Amino acid sequence: MNQPLPPGVPARQAALRLLDAVLRRGETIEQAAGRALASIRADNDRALARAIAAEVLRHLPDLDAMIDSATQRPLPHDAKARFALRIALAQMLALGTPGHAAIATVLPLIDGGPRKLVHGVFGTLSRRGATLPDPPALPADTAERWAAQWGDAMVEAARRAMATPPPVDLTLKGEPAPEGLALLPGHRRLPRGTAIPDLPGYDEGAWWVQDIAASIPARLLGSGRGSAVDACAAPGGKTMQLAAAGWDVTAIDVAESRLARLRDNLERTHLSAETVAGDATRWSPAVPVDAVLLDAPCSATGIFRRHPDVIHRVHPALIEQMADLQRHLLAHAAGWLNKGGTLVYATCSLERAEGEEQAAAFLAANKDFTIDPVRADELPAGIAPSPEGWVRIVPGALEAEGGCDGFFIARFARGG
């Protein structure tokens, strides 16, 4: 009969499963969480497992360099001993767990000889007074790719952004509105760690959580003047924005499970939209619409500060794959529009292939579309339209106010 694990160990075991799913299988933490956390019943233990995994991923290059400095031969990248050391060191150095507790809760995860190795390496680093660099290093391939596209200053800003989980942004529908920093009309920024259900207006559905950068695409469609499609809509922040602005919204998403969450969000905020489960590359509305918001599936490298797993999963082949999907989606969604209609294309990506290159190729292939230039007064102070009239948000934007996700947004008008 298997003996129950000592207290505290199941959460570390779950963190190891999360990390294995991200680093070895290329899954997101969200994709892996169902399986990895299935055996954990207490909410605080589930939250701890996720927090440990996130801090390991936030500091992974530095943790691995630290581990390699204390071993005669580098441990294999996927060795269980390396995973255990990453977890123990992240607890001690990033989460403030006492060293004896950090190592005691990972040693039961290791069998045989490697257990002695883990204990010895951790002890060596503890006696050295090891600390994590501030800001953390990015993976070398990510830093090189971003430097080639945006320059070294962007990479340094990304390192600073990686150092700390972001604040909480709310998009407001009505009252009551929590007190906080307003970077745009209908926006509030609150400190990270804010207890969301305890805020005024939660029960009334007066607002929802949405990074300020993610709120810009729907804002660029303005007040409702007819029918709109929100393609790839779940979990629903942009659908709720459009509905609150008066649009008659159809929200389509390929995943029924994600649409269920969107419907729950609509119910909480007392907003309405038609929801459709379907593949946006094949579906079309029954009649042309006045506006389309395509927040396209992408590599999601722009959300690395809140989802640090992304920079360890994304590689050039995946970026190319997502860019190809976006080309198909843009070409198909363009056909949904009435003449004189507006198409907003957005991605939470920091890759030109999923932004500038996509927009330029779309305009070249669709002569009846032109850029509808974004105006400075439609954006938060500190984010400016590009000379081409679209919006590129990179790390460093709004840094003094707490930063924001990376995004690309272009607004196209269809000729009459």
Protein backbone atom coordinates (compact mmCIF):
# COMPACT_ATOMS: atom_id res chain seq x y z
CA MET A 1 0.00 0.00 0.00
CA ASN A 2 1.36 3.44 -0.93
CA GLN A 3 2.19 5.63 2.04
CA PRO A 4 0.65 9.13 1.98
CA LEU A 5 3.11 11.87 1.11
CA PRO A 6 4.31 14.12 3.95
CA PRO A 7 2.47 17.45 4.36
CA GLY A 8 3.45 20.01 1.74
CA VAL A 9 4.84 17.46 -0.69
CA PRO A 10 1.71 16.95 -2.85
CA ALA A 11 1.74 20.63 -3.86
CA ARG A 12 5.40 20.34 -4.93
CA GLN A 13 4.62 17.12 -6.79
CA ALA A 14 1.85 18.94 -8.64
CA ALA A 15 4.24 21.79 -9.45
CA LEU A 16 6.65 19.24 -10.92
CA ARG A 17 3.85 17.82 -13.11
CA LEU A 18 3.00 21.33 -14.34
CA LEU A 19 6.62 22.04 -15.20
CA ASP A 20 7.05 18.73 -16.95
CA ALA A 21 3.98 19.43 -19.08
CA VAL A 22 5.29 22.87 -20.09
CA LEU A 23 8.97 22.09 -20.61
CA ARG A 24 8.81 18.57 -21.99
CA ARG A 25 5.42 18.44 -23.74
CA GLY A 26 5.01 22.09 -24.74
CA GLU A 27 1.64 22.54 -23.01
CA THR A 28 0.41 25.72 -21.36
CA ILE A 29 -0.05 25.73 -17.61
CA GLU A 30 -3.79 26.12 -18.21
CA GLN A 31 -3.86 23.04 -20.45
CA ALA A 32 -1.89 21.01 -17.93
CA ALA A 33 -3.63 22.18 -14.76
CA GLY A 34 -6.59 19.80 -14.94
CA ARG A 35 -4.40 16.70 -14.85
CA ALA A 36 -1.54 18.07 -12.79
CA LEU A 37 -3.76 19.37 -9.98
CA ALA A 38 -6.42 16.66 -10.05
CA SER A 39 -5.27 15.05 -6.81
CA ILE A 40 -4.96 18.34 -4.91
CA ARG A 41 -8.13 19.21 -3.01
CA ALA A 42 -7.22 22.31 -0.98
CA ASP A 43 -7.45 25.58 -2.89
CA ASN A 44 -4.38 27.00 -1.16
CA ASP A 45 -2.30 23.96 -2.20
CA ARG A 46 -3.49 24.26 -5.79
CA ALA A 47 -2.58 27.94 -5.77
CA LEU A 48 0.83 27.13 -4.25
CA ALA A 49 1.60 24.54 -6.93
CA ARG A 50 0.80 27.06 -9.66
CA ALA A 51 2.81 29.79 -7.93
CA ILE A 52 5.87 27.55 -7.63
CA ALA A 53 5.64 26.51 -11.28
CA ALA A 54 5.23 30.12 -12.39
CA GLU A 55 8.27 31.31 -10.41
CA VAL A 56 10.41 28.48 -11.77
CA LEU A 57 9.43 29.51 -15.31
CA ARG A 58 9.95 33.21 -14.55
CA HIS A 59 13.53 32.51 -13.45
CA LEU A 60 14.36 29.32 -15.37
CA PRO A 61 17.59 30.40 -17.16
CA ASP A 62 19.00 31.81 -13.92
CA LEU A 63 17.98 28.79 -11.88
CA ASP A 64 19.60 26.44 -14.38
CA ALA A 65 22.81 28.49 -14.46
CA MET A 66 22.89 28.38 -10.66
CA ILE A 67 22.40 24.60 -10.60
CA ASP A 68 25.09 24.06 -13.25
CA SER A 69 27.54 26.13 -11.21
CA ALA A 70 27.30 23.61 -8.37
CA THR A 71 27.59 20.31 -10.27
CA GLN A 72 30.66 18.67 -11.79
CA ARG A 73 28.71 17.72 -14.93
CA PRO A 74 25.51 19.42 -16.10
CA LEU A 75 22.38 17.50 -15.25
CA PRO A 76 20.21 16.57 -18.23
CA HIS A 77 17.66 19.28 -18.97
CA ASP A 78 14.77 16.92 -18.21
CA ALA A 79 16.35 15.12 -15.24
CA LYS A 80 14.05 14.83 -12.24
CA ALA A 81 16.88 16.01 -10.00
CA ARG A 82 17.09 19.27 -12.00
CA PHE A 83 13.33 19.76 -11.72
CA ALA A 84 13.47 19.19 -7.96
CA LEU A 85 16.31 21.69 -7.56
CA ARG A 86 14.47 24.27 -9.64
CA ILE A 87 11.42 23.89 -7.39
CA ALA A 88 13.40 24.04 -4.13
CA LEU A 89 15.46 27.06 -5.22
CA ALA A 90 12.45 28.95 -6.59
CA GLN A 91 10.69 28.47 -3.28
CA MET A 92 13.63 29.72 -1.25
CA LEU A 93 14.82 32.53 -3.52
CA ALA A 94 11.59 33.80 -5.12
CA LEU A 95 8.79 32.84 -2.74
CA GLY A 96 10.61 33.28 0.58
CA THR A 97 10.17 29.70 1.80
CA PRO A 98 12.72 28.82 4.51
CA GLY A 99 15.52 26.74 3.04
CA HIS A 100 14.95 23.71 5.25
CA ALA A 101 11.26 23.57 4.22
CA ALA A 102 12.06 24.13 0.54
CA ILE A 103 14.41 21.14 0.37
CA ALA A 104 12.42 18.90 2.74
CA THR A 105 9.33 19.13 0.53
CA VAL A 106 11.12 18.15 -2.70
CA LEU A 107 13.37 15.33 -1.50
CA PRO A 108 10.43 12.87 -1.27
CA LEU A 109 9.94 13.40 -5.03
CA ILE A 110 13.37 11.87 -5.76
CA ASP A 111 14.37 8.23 -5.47
CA GLY A 112 17.80 6.72 -4.89
CA GLY A 113 21.14 8.37 -5.58
CA PRO A 114 19.79 11.57 -7.13
CA ARG A 115 18.23 12.46 -3.76
CA LYS A 116 21.71 12.81 -2.25
CA LEU A 117 22.80 14.90 -5.24
CA VAL A 118 19.82 17.25 -4.88
CA HIS A 119 20.45 17.68 -1.17
CA GLY A 120 24.15 18.35 -1.77
CA VAL A 121 23.66 20.89 -4.58
CA PHE A 122 20.97 22.74 -2.64
CA GLY A 123 23.20 22.84 0.44
CA THR A 124 26.16 24.16 -1.58
CA LEU A 125 24.06 26.96 -3.09
CA SER A 126 22.51 27.83 0.27
CA ARG A 127 25.92 28.14 1.91
CA ARG A 128 27.08 30.39 -0.95
CA GLY A 129 24.20 32.72 -0.23
CA ALA A 130 22.89 32.32 -3.77
CA THR A 131 20.49 34.98 -5.05
CA LEU A 132 18.51 35.42 -8.24
CA PRO A 133 19.48 38.22 -10.63
CA ASP A 134 17.09 41.15 -10.83
CA PRO A 135 15.74 41.41 -13.47
CA PRO A 136 15.69 37.76 -14.55
CA ALA A 137 17.26 36.59 -17.78
CA LEU A 138 15.13 35.61 -20.75
CA PRO A 139 15.79 32.35 -22.59
CA ALA A 140 18.63 33.00 -25.04
CA ASP A 141 16.60 32.17 -28.15
CA THR A 142 13.75 34.47 -27.09
CA ALA A 143 16.12 37.33 -26.29
CA GLU A 144 17.87 36.94 -29.65
CA ARG A 145 14.60 36.82 -31.60
CA TRP A 146 13.16 39.89 -29.87
CA ALA A 147 16.41 41.85 -30.12
CA ALA A 148 16.48 41.20 -33.87
CA GLN A 149 12.92 42.53 -34.22
CA TRP A 150 12.79 45.33 -31.66
CA GLY A 151 16.30 46.05 -30.38
CA ASP A 152 18.17 45.51 -27.13
CA ALA A 153 16.18 48.12 -25.19
CA MET A 154 13.00 46.10 -25.70
CA VAL A 155 14.73 42.97 -24.37
CA GLU A 156 15.82 44.82 -21.25
CA ALA A 157 12.28 46.13 -20.78
CA ALA A 158 10.96 42.58 -21.19
CA ARG A 159 13.35 41.38 -18.49
CA ARG A 160 12.03 44.05 -16.15
CA ALA A 161 8.46 43.12 -17.01
CA MET A 162 9.21 39.46 -16.33
CA ALA A 163 10.45 40.27 -12.83
CA THR A 164 7.03 40.91 -11.28
CA PRO A 165 3.52 39.61 -11.94
CA PRO A 166 1.35 42.41 -13.36
CA PRO A 167 -1.31 44.55 -11.67
CA VAL A 168 -5.04 43.96 -12.10
CA ASP A 169 -6.90 45.87 -14.83
CA LEU A 170 -10.67 46.22 -14.88
CA THR A 171 -12.90 47.24 -17.77
CA LEU A 172 -15.95 49.04 -16.41
CA LYS A 173 -19.51 48.60 -17.61
CA GLY A 174 -21.17 50.74 -14.97
CA GLU A 175 -21.35 51.42 -11.26
CA PRO A 176 -20.19 50.82 -8.61
CA ALA A 177 -16.59 51.12 -9.82
CA PRO A 178 -13.64 50.31 -7.54
CA GLU A 179 -11.18 53.08 -6.74
CA GLY A 180 -7.96 52.84 -8.74
CA LEU A 181 -5.77 54.33 -11.45
CA ALA A 182 -7.72 55.20 -14.62
CA LEU A 183 -5.56 54.97 -17.75
CA LEU A 184 -8.55 55.25 -20.11
CA PRO A 185 -12.24 56.07 -19.70
CA GLY A 186 -13.97 53.03 -18.25
CA HIS A 187 -10.75 51.55 -16.85
CA ARG A 188 -9.31 50.96 -13.38
CA ARG A 189 -5.90 49.57 -12.41
CA LEU A 190 -5.52 47.92 -9.00
CA PRO A 191 -2.55 46.36 -7.21
CA ARG A 192 -1.68 42.74 -8.04
CA GLY A 193 -3.12 40.31 -5.54
CA THR A 194 -6.36 42.29 -5.17
CA ALA A 195 -9.20 40.03 -4.00
CA ILE A 196 -11.48 40.30 -7.02
CA PRO A 197 -14.78 38.96 -5.57
CA ASP A 198 -14.51 41.41 -2.65
CA LEU A 199 -14.46 44.52 -4.86
CA PRO A 200 -17.52 46.77 -5.15
CA GLY A 201 -19.47 46.01 -8.30
CA TYR A 202 -18.49 42.35 -8.58
CA ASP A 203 -21.92 41.01 -7.64
CA GLU A 204 -23.62 43.62 -9.83
CA GLY A 205 -21.48 42.64 -12.86
CA ALA A 206 -20.29 46.24 -13.18
CA TRP A 207 -16.84 45.32 -14.56
CA TRP A 208 -14.58 42.47 -15.56
CA VAL A 209 -10.84 41.74 -15.39
CA GLN A 210 -9.06 42.57 -18.66
CA ASP A 211 -5.53 43.81 -19.32
CA ILE A 212 -5.65 47.36 -20.64
CA ALA A 213 -3.87 46.38 -23.86
CA ALA A 214 -6.45 43.63 -24.45
CA SER A 215 -9.23 46.18 -24.06
CA ILE A 216 -7.99 48.41 -26.90
CA PRO A 217 -9.16 46.33 -29.93
CA ALA A 218 -12.87 46.49 -29.00
CA ARG A 219 -12.55 50.16 -28.02
CA LEU A 220 -11.43 50.89 -31.59
CA LEU A 221 -14.87 49.87 -32.89
CA GLY A 222 -16.51 52.57 -30.78
CA SER A 223 -20.20 52.69 -29.89
CA GLY A 224 -22.47 50.17 -31.55
CA ARG A 225 -23.87 51.10 -34.92
CA GLY A 226 -25.30 47.73 -35.93
CA SER A 227 -24.14 44.13 -36.05
CA ALA A 228 -20.72 42.83 -35.04
CA VAL A 229 -18.93 39.48 -34.97
CA ASP A 230 -16.37 38.74 -32.28
CA ALA A 231 -14.33 35.92 -33.78
CA CYS A 232 -12.30 33.60 -31.50
CA ALA A 233 -14.26 35.28 -28.71
CA ALA A 234 -13.77 33.28 -25.50
CA PRO A 235 -13.39 33.96 -22.62
CA GLY A 236 -15.46 36.99 -23.53
CA GLY A 237 -13.86 40.25 -22.46
CA LYS A 238 -14.14 41.76 -25.92
CA THR A 239 -17.63 40.36 -26.45
CA MET A 240 -18.75 42.09 -23.25
CA GLN A 241 -17.10 45.33 -24.37
CA LEU A 242 -18.94 45.26 -27.69
CA ALA A 243 -22.27 44.37 -26.07
CA ALA A 244 -21.83 47.12 -23.47
CA ALA A 245 -21.07 49.59 -26.29
CA GLY A 246 -24.40 48.79 -27.94
CA TRP A 247 -23.39 46.36 -30.69
CA ASP A 248 -25.61 43.44 -31.65
CA VAL A 249 -22.90 40.82 -31.12
CA THR A 250 -22.38 37.31 -32.41
CA ALA A 251 -19.51 35.61 -30.57
CA ILE A 252 -17.92 32.58 -32.20
CA ASP A 253 -15.32 30.27 -30.72
CA VAL A 254 -14.19 26.79 -31.67
CA ALA A 255 -14.31 25.43 -28.09
CA GLU A 256 -17.70 24.82 -26.51
CA SER A 257 -16.06 24.65 -23.07
CA ARG A 258 -14.64 28.15 -23.55
CA LEU A 259 -18.00 29.41 -24.79
CA ALA A 260 -19.58 28.13 -21.57
CA ARG A 261 -17.23 30.42 -19.65
CA LEU A 262 -18.14 33.29 -22.00
CA ARG A 263 -21.85 32.71 -21.33
CA ASP A 264 -21.18 32.71 -17.59
CA ASN A 265 -19.39 36.06 -17.94
CA LEU A 266 -22.26 37.51 -19.95
CA GLU A 267 -24.74 36.36 -17.32
CA ARG A 268 -22.72 37.90 -14.48
CA THR A 269 -22.46 41.24 -16.28
CA HIS A 270 -26.12 41.21 -17.46
CA LEU A 271 -25.07 41.54 -21.11
CA SER A 272 -26.30 39.58 -24.10
CA ALA A 273 -24.73 38.15 -27.25
CA GLU A 274 -25.45 35.26 -29.56
CA THR A 275 -22.86 32.54 -29.09
CA VAL A 276 -21.80 30.08 -31.78
CA ALA A 277 -19.54 27.06 -31.40
CA GLY A 278 -17.67 26.72 -34.67
CA ASP A 279 -14.47 27.04 -36.65
CA ALA A 280 -14.07 30.68 -37.71
CA THR A 281 -12.11 29.62 -40.80
CA ARG A 282 -15.28 27.90 -42.13
CA TRP A 283 -18.22 29.69 -40.47
CA SER A 284 -19.90 32.76 -41.96
CA PRO A 285 -22.76 34.94 -40.70
CA ALA A 286 -26.12 34.57 -42.40
CA VAL A 287 -25.91 38.18 -43.62
CA PRO A 288 -22.96 40.60 -43.81
CA VAL A 289 -22.19 42.55 -40.65
CA ASP A 290 -21.02 46.07 -39.89
CA ALA A 291 -17.98 45.22 -37.77
CA VAL A 292 -15.66 42.28 -37.18
CA LEU A 293 -13.26 41.93 -34.27
CA LEU A 294 -10.67 39.23 -34.96
CA ASP A 295 -8.52 38.72 -31.89
CA ALA A 296 -6.73 35.93 -33.67
CA PRO A 297 -5.14 32.83 -32.15
CA CYS A 298 -1.42 33.48 -31.90
CA SER A 299 1.79 32.50 -30.15
CA ALA A 300 0.70 34.74 -27.22
CA THR A 301 4.27 35.85 -26.54
CA GLY A 302 2.89 39.23 -25.46
CA ILE A 303 1.38 37.82 -22.27
CA PHE A 304 4.66 36.40 -20.94
CA ARG A 305 4.67 38.47 -17.75
CA ARG A 306 1.45 36.88 -16.49
CA HIS A 307 1.99 33.53 -18.25
CA PRO A 308 5.77 32.91 -18.13
CA ASP A 309 5.31 29.43 -19.61
CA VAL A 310 4.85 31.04 -23.04
CA ILE A 311 8.50 31.96 -23.58
CA HIS A 312 9.57 28.38 -22.89
CA ARG A 313 7.03 26.82 -25.28
CA VAL A 314 7.07 29.11 -28.31
CA HIS A 315 9.50 28.45 -31.13
CA PRO A 316 9.79 29.72 -34.74
CA ALA A 317 7.83 26.81 -36.20
CA LEU A 318 4.88 27.55 -33.90
CA ILE A 319 5.01 31.25 -34.78
CA GLU A 320 4.93 30.35 -38.48
CA GLN A 321 2.03 27.96 -37.90
CA MET A 322 0.00 30.60 -36.07
CA ALA A 323 0.79 33.26 -38.69
CA ASP A 324 -0.52 30.93 -41.39
CA LEU A 325 -3.76 30.40 -39.42
CA GLN A 326 -4.13 34.17 -39.05
CA ARG A 327 -3.77 34.66 -42.81
CA HIS A 328 -6.64 32.26 -43.41
CA LEU A 329 -8.79 33.84 -40.69
CA LEU A 330 -8.22 37.38 -41.94
CA ALA A 331 -9.03 36.47 -45.53
CA HIS A 332 -12.20 34.65 -44.49
CA ALA A 333 -13.39 37.23 -41.94
CA ALA A 334 -12.97 40.04 -44.47
CA GLY A 335 -15.80 38.48 -46.46
CA TRP A 336 -18.22 38.83 -43.55
CA LEU A 337 -18.27 42.64 -43.76
CA ASN A 338 -20.71 45.01 -45.35
CA LYS A 339 -19.23 47.62 -47.65
CA GLY A 340 -18.22 50.50 -45.43
CA GLY A 341 -17.69 48.09 -42.51
CA THR A 342 -14.75 47.91 -40.10
CA LEU A 343 -12.41 45.02 -39.35
CA VAL A 344 -10.14 45.12 -36.30
CA TYR A 345 -7.34 42.53 -36.30
CA ALA A 346 -5.39 41.96 -33.08
CA THR A 347 -2.92 39.51 -31.59
CA CYS A 348 -1.30 39.34 -28.16
CA SER A 349 2.01 38.55 -29.86
CA LEU A 350 5.40 40.25 -29.92
CA GLU A 351 6.29 38.73 -33.29
CA ARG A 352 6.19 40.82 -36.50
CA ALA A 353 4.97 37.75 -38.39
CA GLU A 354 1.81 37.93 -36.28
CA GLY A 355 1.37 41.67 -36.64
CA GLU A 356 3.02 44.08 -39.05
CA GLU A 357 3.76 41.48 -41.71
CA GLN A 358 0.23 40.12 -41.48
CA ALA A 359 -1.37 43.55 -41.83
CA ALA A 360 0.79 44.50 -44.81
CA ALA A 361 0.05 41.22 -46.59
CA PHE A 362 -3.68 41.62 -45.98
CA LEU A 363 -3.73 45.11 -47.47
CA ALA A 364 -1.73 43.95 -50.49
CA ALA A 365 -4.19 41.11 -51.14
CA ASN A 366 -7.41 43.05 -50.44
CA LYS A 367 -7.52 46.25 -52.47
CA ASP A 368 -11.00 47.13 -51.20
CA PHE A 369 -9.58 47.53 -47.66
CA THR A 370 -7.53 50.43 -46.32
CA ILE A 371 -6.04 51.22 -42.94
CA ASP A 372 -8.38 53.24 -40.75
CA PRO A 373 -5.65 55.00 -38.75
CA VAL A 374 -5.85 54.77 -34.98
CA ARG A 375 -5.81 58.18 -33.33
CA ALA A 376 -3.67 59.05 -30.33
CA ASP A 377 -6.78 60.06 -28.35
CA GLU A 378 -8.09 56.49 -28.65
CA LEU A 379 -5.10 55.13 -26.71
CA PRO A 380 -3.71 55.50 -23.19
CA ALA A 381 -1.13 58.22 -22.73
CA GLY A 382 2.21 56.49 -23.30
CA ILE A 383 1.02 54.33 -26.22
CA ALA A 384 1.10 55.95 -29.65
CA PRO A 385 -0.05 54.80 -33.10
CA SER A 386 2.68 53.80 -35.53
CA PRO A 387 3.33 55.90 -38.66
CA GLU A 388 1.34 53.29 -40.61
CA GLY A 389 -1.71 53.95 -38.43
CA TRP A 390 -1.74 50.69 -36.51
CA VAL A 391 -0.73 50.01 -32.89
CA ARG A 392 2.29 48.05 -31.72
CA ILE A 393 2.68 47.61 -27.94
CA VAL A 394 5.99 46.21 -26.68
CA PRO A 395 7.50 45.81 -23.21
CA GLY A 396 8.30 49.21 -21.76
CA ALA A 397 4.89 50.67 -22.60
CA LEU A 398 3.20 52.14 -19.50
CA GLU A 399 6.11 50.78 -17.45
CA ALA A 400 5.87 53.49 -14.79
CA GLU A 401 2.19 52.64 -14.32
CA GLY A 402 2.75 48.88 -14.08
CA GLY A 403 3.10 47.91 -17.74
CA CYS A 404 0.74 46.04 -20.04
CA ASP A 405 0.63 43.03 -22.32
CA GLY A 406 2.30 43.05 -25.72
CA PHE A 407 -0.16 43.52 -28.60
CA PHE A 408 -0.55 44.34 -32.26
CA ILE A 409 -3.79 46.00 -33.42
CA ALA A 410 -4.81 47.21 -36.89
CA ARG A 411 -8.14 48.71 -37.95
CA PHE A 412 -9.20 48.24 -41.57
CA ALA A 413 -12.07 49.90 -43.43
CA ARG A 414 -13.84 48.20 -46.32
CA GLY A 415 -14.55 50.54 -49.20
CA GLY A 416 -18.14 51.38 -50.10
